[in-house]
Amino acid sequence: MAKEYKNFSEFYPFYLSQHENQTCRRLHFFGSVIVVLLVLYIAFSARWSLFFFVPVIGYGFAWVGHYLFEKNRPATFTYPIYSLMGDWVMFKDILIGKIKF
């Protein structure tokens, strides 16, 4: 049975423990960059049908990192909301240099 976290602050250290492999973190980061660029493109071009690709790209890069490099099961399957939040907090932490890229 999965541990129940009371809040995101409790969850985030666990999330980071699932992303210790540098290649996995980099794949998450690149996937997030592509998602941001794609969302901006969709917003400016009004090509709404492309929204289908947002989760495909975001999760695709992340899951490759987990299965091939981290060798663990993505937290998304157990903690979908906290995991999504963790993706963006880790993205921010990489951008500001708090987490090694």
N, C-alpha and C. Protein backbone atom coordinates (compact mmCIF):
# COMPACT_ATOMS: atom_id res chain seq x y z
N MET A 1 0.84 -1.19 0.00
CA MET A 1 0.00 0.00 0.00
C MET A 1 0.88 1.25 0.00
N ALA A 2 0.51 2.21 -0.80
CA ALA A 2 1.28 3.45 -0.92
C ALA A 2 1.10 4.33 0.31
N LYS A 3 2.16 5.03 0.64
CA LYS A 3 2.10 5.96 1.77
C LYS A 3 1.18 7.12 1.41
N GLU A 4 0.42 7.56 2.40
CA GLU A 4 -0.44 8.72 2.19
C GLU A 4 0.29 9.96 2.69
N TYR A 5 0.44 10.93 1.80
CA TYR A 5 1.07 12.20 2.16
C TYR A 5 -0.01 13.21 2.48
N LYS A 6 0.19 13.95 3.57
CA LYS A 6 -0.81 14.93 4.00
C LYS A 6 -0.81 16.18 3.12
N ASN A 7 0.36 16.48 2.53
CA ASN A 7 0.47 17.68 1.71
C ASN A 7 1.65 17.53 0.75
N PHE A 8 1.77 18.48 -0.14
CA PHE A 8 2.82 18.41 -1.14
C PHE A 8 4.21 18.55 -0.51
N SER A 9 4.33 19.34 0.53
CA SER A 9 5.63 19.51 1.20
C SER A 9 6.15 18.18 1.73
N GLU A 10 5.28 17.33 2.19
CA GLU A 10 5.67 15.99 2.64
C GLU A 10 6.05 15.10 1.46
N PHE A 11 5.34 15.26 0.37
CA PHE A 11 5.53 14.42 -0.81
C PHE A 11 6.81 14.74 -1.58
N TYR A 12 7.18 16.03 -1.68
CA TYR A 12 8.26 16.43 -2.57
C TYR A 12 9.60 15.75 -2.28
N PRO A 13 10.02 15.54 -1.03
CA PRO A 13 11.26 14.78 -0.83
C PRO A 13 11.19 13.36 -1.41
N PHE A 14 10.03 12.72 -1.28
CA PHE A 14 9.86 11.40 -1.91
C PHE A 14 9.98 11.53 -3.42
N TYR A 15 9.34 12.53 -3.98
CA TYR A 15 9.40 12.76 -5.43
C TYR A 15 10.85 12.90 -5.89
N LEU A 16 11.62 13.70 -5.18
CA LEU A 16 13.02 13.89 -5.55
C LEU A 16 13.82 12.59 -5.43
N SER A 17 13.47 11.76 -4.46
CA SER A 17 14.18 10.48 -4.31
C SER A 17 13.93 9.56 -5.50
N GLN A 18 12.87 9.81 -6.23
CA GLN A 18 12.54 9.02 -7.41
C GLN A 18 13.18 9.58 -8.68
N HIS A 19 13.96 10.66 -8.51
CA HIS A 19 14.59 11.35 -9.64
C HIS A 19 16.06 11.63 -9.35
N GLU A 20 16.76 10.64 -8.85
CA GLU A 20 18.17 10.81 -8.51
C GLU A 20 19.08 10.69 -9.73
N ASN A 21 18.63 9.98 -10.76
CA ASN A 21 19.43 9.80 -11.96
C ASN A 21 19.40 11.08 -12.79
N GLN A 22 20.57 11.58 -13.15
CA GLN A 22 20.68 12.84 -13.87
C GLN A 22 20.01 12.79 -15.25
N THR A 23 20.14 11.68 -15.95
CA THR A 23 19.50 11.56 -17.26
C THR A 23 17.99 11.59 -17.13
N CYS A 24 17.46 10.96 -16.11
CA CYS A 24 16.01 10.99 -15.87
C CYS A 24 15.54 12.43 -15.64
N ARG A 25 16.28 13.15 -14.78
CA ARG A 25 15.92 14.55 -14.52
C ARG A 25 15.99 15.39 -15.80
N ARG A 26 17.02 15.14 -16.59
CA ARG A 26 17.16 15.90 -17.84
C ARG A 26 16.01 15.60 -18.79
N LEU A 27 15.59 14.36 -18.88
CA LEU A 27 14.45 14.02 -19.74
C LEU A 27 13.18 14.70 -19.25
N HIS A 28 12.98 14.73 -17.94
CA HIS A 28 11.84 15.48 -17.39
C HIS A 28 11.91 16.94 -17.80
N PHE A 29 13.10 17.52 -17.64
CA PHE A 29 13.29 18.93 -17.95
C PHE A 29 13.01 19.22 -19.42
N PHE A 30 13.60 18.41 -20.32
CA PHE A 30 13.39 18.62 -21.75
C PHE A 30 11.92 18.45 -22.13
N GLY A 31 11.28 17.45 -21.55
CA GLY A 31 9.85 17.25 -21.81
C GLY A 31 9.04 18.46 -21.38
N SER A 32 9.39 19.03 -20.23
CA SER A 32 8.67 20.21 -19.73
C SER A 32 8.91 21.42 -20.62
N VAL A 33 10.13 21.61 -21.09
CA VAL A 33 10.43 22.72 -22.00
C VAL A 33 9.60 22.58 -23.28
N ILE A 34 9.56 21.38 -23.83
CA ILE A 34 8.78 21.17 -25.05
C ILE A 34 7.29 21.41 -24.80
N VAL A 35 6.80 20.99 -23.65
CA VAL A 35 5.39 21.22 -23.30
C VAL A 35 5.10 22.72 -23.23
N VAL A 36 5.97 23.48 -22.58
CA VAL A 36 5.77 24.94 -22.49
C VAL A 36 5.75 25.55 -23.89
N LEU A 37 6.71 25.17 -24.72
CA LEU A 37 6.77 25.71 -26.08
C LEU A 37 5.54 25.31 -26.89
N LEU A 38 5.11 24.08 -26.73
CA LEU A 38 3.92 23.61 -27.45
C LEU A 38 2.67 24.37 -27.00
N VAL A 39 2.51 24.56 -25.71
CA VAL A 39 1.34 25.30 -25.20
C VAL A 39 1.35 26.73 -25.73
N LEU A 40 2.52 27.36 -25.75
CA LEU A 40 2.61 28.72 -26.30
C LEU A 40 2.25 28.72 -27.79
N TYR A 41 2.75 27.75 -28.52
CA TYR A 41 2.42 27.65 -29.95
C TYR A 41 0.91 27.48 -30.14
N ILE A 42 0.32 26.59 -29.35
CA ILE A 42 -1.13 26.35 -29.46
C ILE A 42 -1.90 27.62 -29.16
N ALA A 43 -1.49 28.34 -28.10
CA ALA A 43 -2.19 29.56 -27.70
C ALA A 43 -2.12 30.63 -28.79
N PHE A 44 -0.96 30.77 -29.44
CA PHE A 44 -0.80 31.81 -30.46
C PHE A 44 -1.33 31.40 -31.83
N SER A 45 -1.36 30.11 -32.10
CA SER A 45 -1.83 29.66 -33.41
C SER A 45 -3.29 29.20 -33.40
N ALA A 46 -3.84 29.04 -32.19
CA ALA A 46 -5.22 28.55 -32.03
C ALA A 46 -5.42 27.16 -32.64
N ARG A 47 -4.38 26.36 -32.63
CA ARG A 47 -4.47 24.97 -33.13
C ARG A 47 -4.76 24.05 -31.95
N TRP A 48 -5.99 24.15 -31.45
CA TRP A 48 -6.39 23.49 -30.21
C TRP A 48 -6.27 21.98 -30.26
N SER A 49 -6.36 21.40 -31.43
CA SER A 49 -6.27 19.94 -31.54
C SER A 49 -4.89 19.43 -31.11
N LEU A 50 -3.90 20.29 -31.09
CA LEU A 50 -2.56 19.87 -30.69
C LEU A 50 -2.43 19.64 -29.18
N PHE A 51 -3.44 20.05 -28.42
CA PHE A 51 -3.40 19.82 -26.97
C PHE A 51 -3.28 18.33 -26.64
N PHE A 52 -3.70 17.49 -27.54
CA PHE A 52 -3.56 16.04 -27.36
C PHE A 52 -2.10 15.67 -27.07
N PHE A 53 -1.17 16.39 -27.68
CA PHE A 53 0.25 16.05 -27.57
C PHE A 53 0.90 16.54 -26.27
N VAL A 54 0.25 17.42 -25.55
CA VAL A 54 0.84 17.94 -24.31
C VAL A 54 1.15 16.82 -23.32
N PRO A 55 0.17 16.01 -22.92
CA PRO A 55 0.51 14.92 -21.99
C PRO A 55 1.38 13.83 -22.62
N VAL A 56 1.20 13.60 -23.90
CA VAL A 56 2.01 12.58 -24.58
C VAL A 56 3.49 12.95 -24.50
N ILE A 57 3.80 14.18 -24.78
CA ILE A 57 5.20 14.64 -24.73
C ILE A 57 5.69 14.72 -23.30
N GLY A 58 4.91 15.37 -22.43
CA GLY A 58 5.34 15.52 -21.04
C GLY A 58 5.58 14.20 -20.35
N TYR A 59 4.61 13.32 -20.43
CA TYR A 59 4.76 12.01 -19.78
C TYR A 59 5.71 11.10 -20.55
N GLY A 60 5.74 11.23 -21.86
CA GLY A 60 6.61 10.38 -22.67
C GLY A 60 8.08 10.52 -22.29
N PHE A 61 8.56 11.74 -22.23
CA PHE A 61 9.95 11.97 -21.83
C PHE A 61 10.20 11.47 -20.42
N ALA A 62 9.28 11.77 -19.51
CA ALA A 62 9.45 11.38 -18.10
C ALA A 62 9.48 9.87 -17.95
N TRP A 63 8.56 9.18 -18.59
CA TRP A 63 8.47 7.73 -18.42
C TRP A 63 9.66 7.01 -19.04
N VAL A 64 10.19 7.52 -20.12
CA VAL A 64 11.42 6.95 -20.68
C VAL A 64 12.53 7.06 -19.65
N GLY A 65 12.62 8.22 -19.01
CA GLY A 65 13.63 8.41 -17.97
C GLY A 65 13.48 7.44 -16.82
N HIS A 66 12.26 7.20 -16.40
CA HIS A 66 12.04 6.28 -15.28
C HIS A 66 12.34 4.84 -15.66
N TYR A 67 11.84 4.40 -16.79
CA TYR A 67 11.99 2.99 -17.15
C TYR A 67 13.40 2.64 -17.59
N LEU A 68 14.07 3.54 -18.33
CA LEU A 68 15.38 3.21 -18.86
C LEU A 68 16.56 3.62 -17.98
N PHE A 69 16.39 4.69 -17.22
CA PHE A 69 17.53 5.22 -16.48
C PHE A 69 17.35 5.14 -14.96
N GLU A 70 16.20 5.54 -14.47
CA GLU A 70 15.97 5.52 -13.03
C GLU A 70 15.62 4.12 -12.54
N LYS A 71 15.02 3.33 -13.43
CA LYS A 71 14.63 1.94 -13.13
C LYS A 71 13.60 1.87 -12.00
N ASN A 72 12.64 2.77 -12.06
CA ASN A 72 11.55 2.74 -11.08
C ASN A 72 10.22 3.05 -11.77
N ARG A 73 9.18 2.91 -11.02
CA ARG A 73 7.83 3.17 -11.53
C ARG A 73 7.49 4.64 -11.29
N PRO A 74 7.05 5.36 -12.32
CA PRO A 74 6.74 6.78 -12.14
C PRO A 74 5.71 7.00 -11.02
N ALA A 75 5.96 8.00 -10.21
CA ALA A 75 5.05 8.34 -9.10
C ALA A 75 3.67 8.76 -9.60
N THR A 76 3.58 9.11 -10.87
CA THR A 76 2.32 9.54 -11.48
C THR A 76 1.21 8.51 -11.28
N PHE A 77 1.59 7.24 -11.30
CA PHE A 77 0.58 6.18 -11.21
C PHE A 77 -0.04 6.10 -9.81
N THR A 78 0.70 6.51 -8.80
CA THR A 78 0.19 6.44 -7.43
C THR A 78 -0.26 7.80 -6.90
N TYR A 79 0.45 8.84 -7.29
CA TYR A 79 0.19 10.20 -6.80
C TYR A 79 0.09 11.16 -7.99
N PRO A 80 -0.97 11.09 -8.78
CA PRO A 80 -1.01 11.87 -10.03
C PRO A 80 -0.93 13.38 -9.84
N ILE A 81 -1.65 13.94 -8.89
CA ILE A 81 -1.66 15.40 -8.72
C ILE A 81 -0.34 15.87 -8.13
N TYR A 82 0.08 15.25 -7.03
CA TYR A 82 1.35 15.64 -6.41
C TYR A 82 2.52 15.43 -7.38
N SER A 83 2.45 14.40 -8.18
CA SER A 83 3.52 14.13 -9.13
C SER A 83 3.59 15.22 -10.20
N LEU A 84 2.45 15.63 -10.70
CA LEU A 84 2.42 16.72 -11.68
C LEU A 84 2.96 18.01 -11.06
N MET A 85 2.57 18.27 -9.84
CA MET A 85 3.10 19.44 -9.14
C MET A 85 4.61 19.31 -8.96
N GLY A 86 5.06 18.11 -8.61
CA GLY A 86 6.49 17.86 -8.43
C GLY A 86 7.28 18.09 -9.70
N ASP A 87 6.70 17.71 -10.85
CA ASP A 87 7.37 17.93 -12.13
C ASP A 87 7.71 19.42 -12.31
N TRP A 88 6.74 20.27 -12.01
CA TRP A 88 6.94 21.70 -12.25
C TRP A 88 7.80 22.35 -11.17
N VAL A 89 7.72 21.86 -9.96
CA VAL A 89 8.61 22.40 -8.91
C VAL A 89 10.05 21.97 -9.20
N MET A 90 10.25 20.71 -9.61
CA MET A 90 11.59 20.26 -9.97
C MET A 90 12.10 21.05 -11.18
N PHE A 91 11.26 21.32 -12.15
CA PHE A 91 11.63 22.12 -13.31
C PHE A 91 12.13 23.49 -12.86
N LYS A 92 11.37 24.12 -11.97
CA LYS A 92 11.77 25.42 -11.43
C LYS A 92 13.08 25.31 -10.65
N ASP A 93 13.21 24.27 -9.84
CA ASP A 93 14.43 24.08 -9.04
C ASP A 93 15.65 23.85 -9.93
N ILE A 94 15.48 23.19 -11.06
CA ILE A 94 16.58 23.02 -12.02
C ILE A 94 16.92 24.37 -12.64
N LEU A 95 15.90 25.12 -13.03
CA LEU A 95 16.12 26.44 -13.65
C LEU A 95 16.91 27.39 -12.73
N ILE A 96 16.60 27.37 -11.44
CA ILE A 96 17.27 28.30 -10.52
C ILE A 96 18.56 27.72 -9.95
N GLY A 97 18.89 26.51 -10.32
CA GLY A 97 20.14 25.90 -9.89
C GLY A 97 20.10 25.21 -8.54
N LYS A 98 18.92 25.04 -7.99
CA LYS A 98 18.77 24.35 -6.71
C LYS A 98 19.00 22.85 -6.86
N ILE A 99 18.66 22.31 -8.03
CA ILE A 99 18.87 20.90 -8.35
C ILE A 99 19.80 20.85 -9.55
N LYS A 100 20.77 19.96 -9.49
CA LYS A 100 21.76 19.83 -10.56
C LYS A 100 21.11 19.34 -11.85
N PHE A 101 21.43 20.01 -12.93
CA PHE A 101 20.96 19.60 -14.25
C PHE A 101 21.97 18.61 -14.78
